[in-house]
Protein backbone atom coordinates (compact mmCIF):
# COMPACT_ATOMS: atom_id res chain seq x y z
CA MET A 1 -23.93 3.88 8.09
CA SER A 2 -20.22 4.52 9.11
CA LYS A 3 -19.30 7.42 9.95
CA PRO A 4 -15.75 8.79 6.99
CA ASP A 5 -12.65 8.07 8.85
CA ASN A 6 -10.96 10.93 8.47
CA PRO A 7 -12.73 13.47 10.46
CA GLN A 8 -11.68 16.70 8.12
CA ILE A 9 -13.89 15.75 5.85
CA ASN A 10 -17.51 16.96 6.17
CA TYR A 11 -20.38 16.28 3.34
CA CYS A 12 -22.87 19.11 4.48
CA LYS A 13 -25.74 20.47 2.35
CA ALA A 14 -27.78 23.35 1.82
CA TYR A 15 -31.47 23.24 2.75
CA LEU A 16 -34.46 25.72 3.03
CA LEU A 17 -35.46 25.81 7.03
CA SER A 18 -38.77 25.35 5.45
CA GLN A 19 -37.72 22.35 3.77
CA LEU A 20 -36.16 20.61 7.33
CA ALA A 21 -39.41 22.42 8.63
CA ASP A 22 -41.67 19.44 6.53
CA TYR A 23 -40.39 17.01 8.93
CA PRO A 24 -43.00 15.56 10.89
CA GLY A 25 -40.93 15.43 13.86
CA TRP A 26 -39.84 19.01 13.40
CA PRO A 27 -39.80 20.68 16.77
CA ASP A 28 -42.17 23.64 16.68
CA ASP A 29 -39.46 25.31 19.34
CA ALA A 30 -36.88 24.62 16.90
CA PRO A 31 -34.08 27.93 17.06
CA ASP A 32 -35.11 29.96 13.99
CA GLN A 33 -31.31 29.80 13.74
CA THR A 34 -30.32 30.18 9.87
CA GLY A 35 -27.71 31.49 7.71
CA PRO A 36 -28.47 34.11 5.19
CA ALA A 37 -31.82 33.25 3.21
CA GLY A 38 -32.75 30.72 5.36
CA VAL A 39 -30.60 28.58 5.16
CA VAL A 40 -29.32 25.90 7.20
CA PHE A 41 -27.20 22.77 6.69
CA VAL A 42 -27.49 19.05 7.40
CA HIS A 43 -24.05 17.53 7.90
CA SER A 44 -23.42 14.15 6.95
CA ASP A 45 -23.93 12.96 11.16
CA TYR A 46 -27.71 14.47 10.62
CA GLN A 47 -27.28 17.29 12.65
CA VAL A 48 -28.43 20.39 11.18
CA ARG A 49 -26.37 23.11 11.94
CA THR A 50 -26.20 26.65 11.05
CA GLY A 51 -24.00 26.51 8.80
CA PRO A 52 -21.13 24.31 7.09
CA GLU A 53 -18.72 24.31 9.25
CA PRO A 54 -18.52 20.69 11.74
CA ASP A 55 -18.51 23.96 15.01
CA ASP A 56 -21.40 25.73 13.87
CA PRO A 57 -24.58 25.46 16.02
CA VAL A 58 -26.79 23.34 16.46
CA ILE A 59 -30.30 23.41 15.58
CA PHE A 60 -31.49 19.89 15.31
CA ALA A 61 -30.04 16.94 16.62
CA ALA A 62 -33.20 14.16 16.78
CA LEU A 63 -31.40 11.89 15.14
CA SER A 64 -34.21 9.02 14.50
CA ALA A 65 -34.64 6.65 12.42
CA ASP A 66 -37.33 8.69 10.97
CA TRP A 67 -35.23 11.48 10.52
CA LYS A 68 -32.57 10.50 8.32
CA THR A 69 -35.37 8.79 5.93
CA PHE A 70 -36.94 11.51 5.46
CA CYS A 71 -33.28 13.39 4.57
CA ARG A 72 -33.11 10.52 2.17
CA ASP A 73 -36.27 10.32 0.85
CA GLN A 74 -37.72 13.69 1.48
CA LEU A 75 -34.49 15.82 1.07
CA LEU A 76 -32.23 13.74 -0.77
CA PHE A 77 -29.33 14.05 1.67
CA ASP A 78 -27.09 11.11 0.68
CA GLN A 79 -24.62 10.09 3.30
CA ALA A 80 -23.10 8.22 1.78
CA ARG A 81 -21.13 10.58 -0.54
CA ALA A 82 -19.69 11.31 2.67
CA GLU A 83 -17.87 8.12 2.97
CA VAL A 84 -17.18 8.00 -0.79
CA LEU A 85 -15.19 11.17 -0.30
CA ALA A 86 -13.66 9.67 2.63
CA GLU A 87 -12.39 7.12 0.69
CA GLN A 88 -10.54 9.52 -1.97
CA PRO A 89 -6.17 9.49 -2.24
CA GLY A 90 -5.70 12.68 -0.37
CA ASN A 91 -8.30 12.51 2.91
């Protein structure tokens, strides 16, 4: 899927780090940096960050097809929502 044309649109969704660790490719040595209450954010580019802002530290960026499938099927992450947001008037 393509990225939104408007770089100011940053769709992300919060998850518990333990939910992401269910991914078979999740590295055992992934940084244990989380936001409040063990929360991390999957962003529209599928990178996992410590917070909702695009410049928050990245803790996972192995962006394989398997990871994207896991996000879609297991986490119910809808990257297409970012594209819808970018197409709305005023964005």
